[in-house]
Amino acid sequence: MHILYVDESGDGGSVPGSSRHLVLCGVAMHEGQWRTMTKQLNEIQVRNFPTAGAFLEFHASEMRTGARIFRGLPRPARDAKYQRQSCAP
């Protein structure tokens, strides 16, 4: 069996003043791989945000704008963390 996770961002301009873009992305993996994937994502969190607690959702918009956990982190540092997260194995 395979596990599929799909998420979206944006609304394609359906709301006045919103983005004209809608991004739909997904990842599929064999059921035997989910523990390894979860471990890798947890390691990214611990390496980049060790004080964030047990669970942190990565939102690109928060990373770009410096919101929530990224508040107070200078733009170059946020960009570097974003790049490391995006290019993780």
N, C-alpha and C. Protein backbone atom coordinates (compact mmCIF):
# COMPACT_ATOMS: atom_id res chain seq x y z
N MET A 1 0.84 -1.16 0.00
CA MET A 1 0.00 0.00 0.00
C MET A 1 0.90 1.25 0.00
N HIS A 2 0.39 2.31 -0.59
CA HIS A 2 1.09 3.59 -0.62
C HIS A 2 0.29 4.63 0.15
N ILE A 3 1.00 5.56 0.75
CA ILE A 3 0.40 6.67 1.48
C ILE A 3 0.57 7.91 0.62
N LEU A 4 -0.48 8.70 0.49
CA LEU A 4 -0.44 9.93 -0.30
C LEU A 4 -0.84 11.09 0.59
N TYR A 5 -0.01 12.13 0.60
CA TYR A 5 -0.33 13.37 1.31
C TYR A 5 -0.39 14.47 0.27
N VAL A 6 -1.49 15.21 0.26
CA VAL A 6 -1.67 16.30 -0.68
C VAL A 6 -2.02 17.56 0.11
N ASP A 7 -1.45 18.68 -0.29
CA ASP A 7 -1.74 19.96 0.36
C ASP A 7 -1.82 21.04 -0.70
N GLU A 8 -2.51 22.12 -0.36
CA GLU A 8 -2.65 23.22 -1.30
C GLU A 8 -2.29 24.53 -0.61
N SER A 9 -1.99 25.52 -1.43
CA SER A 9 -1.72 26.86 -0.95
C SER A 9 -2.29 27.84 -1.95
N GLY A 10 -2.94 28.87 -1.45
CA GLY A 10 -3.53 29.87 -2.33
C GLY A 10 -4.96 29.51 -2.68
N ASP A 11 -5.54 30.33 -3.55
CA ASP A 11 -6.92 30.07 -3.95
C ASP A 11 -7.19 30.38 -5.42
N GLY A 12 -6.13 30.67 -6.15
CA GLY A 12 -6.30 30.89 -7.58
C GLY A 12 -7.05 32.17 -7.92
N GLY A 13 -7.10 33.13 -6.98
CA GLY A 13 -7.75 34.41 -7.26
C GLY A 13 -9.25 34.41 -7.05
N SER A 14 -9.78 33.42 -6.36
CA SER A 14 -11.22 33.35 -6.16
C SER A 14 -11.73 34.36 -5.14
N VAL A 15 -10.82 34.93 -4.33
CA VAL A 15 -11.20 35.93 -3.33
C VAL A 15 -10.53 37.25 -3.72
N PRO A 16 -11.28 38.35 -3.77
CA PRO A 16 -10.68 39.64 -4.15
C PRO A 16 -9.46 39.97 -3.28
N GLY A 17 -8.38 40.39 -3.93
CA GLY A 17 -7.16 40.75 -3.23
C GLY A 17 -6.25 39.58 -2.90
N SER A 18 -6.65 38.38 -3.25
CA SER A 18 -5.82 37.22 -2.96
C SER A 18 -4.87 36.93 -4.11
N SER A 19 -4.04 35.94 -3.91
CA SER A 19 -3.09 35.54 -4.95
C SER A 19 -3.84 34.98 -6.15
N ARG A 20 -3.27 35.17 -7.32
CA ARG A 20 -3.86 34.57 -8.52
C ARG A 20 -3.43 33.12 -8.67
N HIS A 21 -2.61 32.63 -7.75
CA HIS A 21 -2.01 31.31 -7.90
C HIS A 21 -2.61 30.30 -6.94
N LEU A 22 -2.72 29.11 -7.40
CA LEU A 22 -3.11 27.97 -6.57
C LEU A 22 -2.04 26.90 -6.78
N VAL A 23 -1.42 26.47 -5.70
CA VAL A 23 -0.37 25.46 -5.78
C VAL A 23 -0.88 24.20 -5.10
N LEU A 24 -0.80 23.11 -5.79
CA LEU A 24 -1.20 21.82 -5.25
C LEU A 24 0.02 20.91 -5.31
N CYS A 25 0.36 20.31 -4.20
CA CYS A 25 1.56 19.50 -4.14
C CYS A 25 1.26 18.24 -3.33
N GLY A 26 1.99 17.21 -3.62
CA GLY A 26 1.77 15.97 -2.89
C GLY A 26 3.02 15.12 -2.83
N VAL A 27 3.00 14.18 -1.93
CA VAL A 27 4.08 13.22 -1.82
C VAL A 27 3.43 11.85 -1.61
N ALA A 28 3.96 10.87 -2.30
CA ALA A 28 3.49 9.50 -2.15
C ALA A 28 4.66 8.63 -1.74
N MET A 29 4.40 7.71 -0.85
CA MET A 29 5.47 6.81 -0.40
C MET A 29 4.87 5.46 -0.05
N HIS A 30 5.70 4.46 -0.12
CA HIS A 30 5.30 3.13 0.30
C HIS A 30 5.08 3.16 1.81
N GLU A 31 4.13 2.43 2.29
CA GLU A 31 3.80 2.44 3.72
C GLU A 31 5.00 2.11 4.61
N GLY A 32 5.99 1.41 4.09
CA GLY A 32 7.17 1.08 4.88
C GLY A 32 8.16 2.23 5.02
N GLN A 33 7.92 3.34 4.33
CA GLN A 33 8.85 4.47 4.36
C GLN A 33 8.43 5.61 5.28
N TRP A 34 7.21 5.61 5.79
CA TRP A 34 6.73 6.79 6.51
C TRP A 34 7.51 7.06 7.80
N ARG A 35 7.96 6.02 8.49
CA ARG A 35 8.73 6.25 9.71
C ARG A 35 10.06 6.93 9.41
N THR A 36 10.73 6.50 8.35
CA THR A 36 12.00 7.12 7.95
C THR A 36 11.77 8.57 7.56
N MET A 37 10.73 8.85 6.80
CA MET A 37 10.41 10.22 6.39
C MET A 37 10.11 11.09 7.61
N THR A 38 9.34 10.58 8.54
CA THR A 38 9.02 11.33 9.76
C THR A 38 10.28 11.62 10.55
N LYS A 39 11.17 10.65 10.65
CA LYS A 39 12.43 10.84 11.37
C LYS A 39 13.26 11.94 10.71
N GLN A 40 13.34 11.94 9.39
CA GLN A 40 14.11 12.95 8.67
C GLN A 40 13.52 14.35 8.87
N LEU A 41 12.20 14.47 8.83
CA LEU A 41 11.57 15.76 9.05
C LEU A 41 11.79 16.24 10.49
N ASN A 42 11.71 15.34 11.45
CA ASN A 42 11.98 15.70 12.84
C ASN A 42 13.41 16.18 13.02
N GLU A 43 14.35 15.53 12.33
CA GLU A 43 15.76 15.95 12.41
C GLU A 43 15.96 17.35 11.84
N ILE A 44 15.25 17.68 10.77
CA ILE A 44 15.32 19.03 10.21
C ILE A 44 14.84 20.05 11.25
N GLN A 45 13.74 19.73 11.91
CA GLN A 45 13.22 20.63 12.92
C GLN A 45 14.20 20.81 14.07
N VAL A 46 14.73 19.73 14.60
CA VAL A 46 15.65 19.80 15.74
C VAL A 46 16.92 20.56 15.36
N ARG A 47 17.42 20.33 14.16
CA ARG A 47 18.65 20.99 13.70
C ARG A 47 18.44 22.50 13.53
N ASN A 48 17.29 22.89 13.00
CA ASN A 48 17.06 24.30 12.69
C ASN A 48 16.30 25.07 13.76
N PHE A 49 15.46 24.39 14.52
CA PHE A 49 14.62 25.05 15.52
C PHE A 49 14.56 24.22 16.80
N PRO A 50 15.68 24.08 17.49
CA PRO A 50 15.76 23.19 18.64
C PRO A 50 14.85 23.59 19.80
N THR A 51 14.44 24.83 19.88
CA THR A 51 13.59 25.26 21.00
C THR A 51 12.11 25.32 20.63
N ALA A 52 11.75 24.83 19.46
CA ALA A 52 10.36 24.95 18.97
C ALA A 52 9.38 24.03 19.69
N GLY A 53 9.86 23.01 20.35
CA GLY A 53 8.94 22.07 20.98
C GLY A 53 8.79 20.81 20.16
N ALA A 54 7.79 20.03 20.51
CA ALA A 54 7.63 18.70 19.93
C ALA A 54 7.08 18.72 18.51
N PHE A 55 6.38 19.78 18.13
CA PHE A 55 5.74 19.77 16.81
C PHE A 55 5.81 21.16 16.20
N LEU A 56 6.29 21.24 14.99
CA LEU A 56 6.38 22.52 14.29
C LEU A 56 5.95 22.30 12.85
N GLU A 57 4.99 23.07 12.40
CA GLU A 57 4.60 23.02 10.99
C GLU A 57 5.47 24.02 10.24
N PHE A 58 6.03 23.59 9.14
CA PHE A 58 6.84 24.47 8.30
C PHE A 58 5.93 25.13 7.26
N HIS A 59 5.80 26.44 7.35
CA HIS A 59 5.01 27.20 6.38
C HIS A 59 5.95 28.20 5.70
N ALA A 60 6.08 28.07 4.41
CA ALA A 60 6.99 28.94 3.66
C ALA A 60 6.63 30.41 3.85
N SER A 61 5.34 30.73 3.90
CA SER A 61 4.96 32.14 4.05
C SER A 61 5.44 32.70 5.38
N GLU A 62 5.39 31.92 6.45
CA GLU A 62 5.89 32.37 7.75
C GLU A 62 7.40 32.53 7.73
N MET A 63 8.08 31.64 7.03
CA MET A 63 9.54 31.74 6.93
C MET A 63 9.92 33.00 6.16
N ARG A 64 9.22 33.27 5.06
CA ARG A 64 9.55 34.44 4.25
C ARG A 64 9.26 35.75 4.97
N THR A 65 8.15 35.82 5.71
CA THR A 65 7.74 37.08 6.32
C THR A 65 8.24 37.26 7.75
N GLY A 66 8.78 36.22 8.35
CA GLY A 66 9.27 36.33 9.72
C GLY A 66 8.16 36.25 10.75
N ALA A 67 7.13 35.51 10.48
CA ALA A 67 6.00 35.37 11.40
C ALA A 67 6.22 34.19 12.36
N ARG A 68 5.48 34.21 13.45
CA ARG A 68 5.45 33.16 14.48
C ARG A 68 6.84 32.78 14.96
N ILE A 69 7.24 31.52 14.82
CA ILE A 69 8.54 31.06 15.35
C ILE A 69 9.71 31.76 14.66
N PHE A 70 9.48 32.30 13.47
CA PHE A 70 10.54 32.95 12.70
C PHE A 70 10.68 34.43 13.03
N ARG A 71 9.78 34.94 13.89
CA ARG A 71 9.85 36.36 14.29
C ARG A 71 11.18 36.64 14.96
N GLY A 72 11.80 37.73 14.60
CA GLY A 72 13.07 38.11 15.19
C GLY A 72 14.28 37.48 14.51
N LEU A 73 14.04 36.55 13.61
CA LEU A 73 15.13 35.92 12.86
C LEU A 73 15.41 36.76 11.62
N PRO A 74 16.61 37.29 11.46
CA PRO A 74 16.90 38.15 10.30
C PRO A 74 16.63 37.44 8.97
N ARG A 75 16.28 38.21 7.98
CA ARG A 75 15.93 37.66 6.67
C ARG A 75 17.00 36.72 6.11
N PRO A 76 18.29 37.05 6.14
CA PRO A 76 19.30 36.12 5.60
C PRO A 76 19.29 34.78 6.34
N ALA A 77 19.08 34.79 7.64
CA ALA A 77 19.03 33.54 8.40
C ALA A 77 17.79 32.74 8.04
N ARG A 78 16.64 33.43 7.87
CA ARG A 78 15.42 32.72 7.46
C ARG A 78 15.60 32.11 6.08
N ASP A 79 16.20 32.87 5.17
CA ASP A 79 16.43 32.35 3.81
C ASP A 79 17.32 31.12 3.83
N ALA A 80 18.36 31.15 4.66
CA ALA A 80 19.28 30.01 4.75
C ALA A 80 18.55 28.78 5.28
N LYS A 81 17.73 28.96 6.32
CA LYS A 81 16.98 27.84 6.88
C LYS A 81 15.98 27.30 5.85
N TYR A 82 15.36 28.20 5.11
CA TYR A 82 14.40 27.79 4.08
C TYR A 82 15.10 26.95 3.02
N GLN A 83 16.27 27.39 2.58
CA GLN A 83 17.03 26.65 1.58
C GLN A 83 17.43 25.28 2.10
N ARG A 84 17.90 25.21 3.35
CA ARG A 84 18.30 23.90 3.92
C ARG A 84 17.11 22.97 4.01
N GLN A 85 15.94 23.51 4.41
CA GLN A 85 14.76 22.68 4.53
C GLN A 85 14.31 22.20 3.16
N SER A 86 14.33 23.08 2.17
CA SER A 86 13.86 22.75 0.83
C SER A 86 14.75 21.73 0.14
N CYS A 87 16.02 21.72 0.49
CA CYS A 87 16.98 20.85 -0.17
C CYS A 87 17.35 19.64 0.67
N ALA A 88 16.58 19.37 1.73
CA ALA A 88 16.90 18.25 2.62
C ALA A 88 16.73 16.92 1.88
N PRO A 89 17.54 15.92 2.25
CA PRO A 89 17.42 14.62 1.59
C PRO A 89 16.13 13.93 1.94
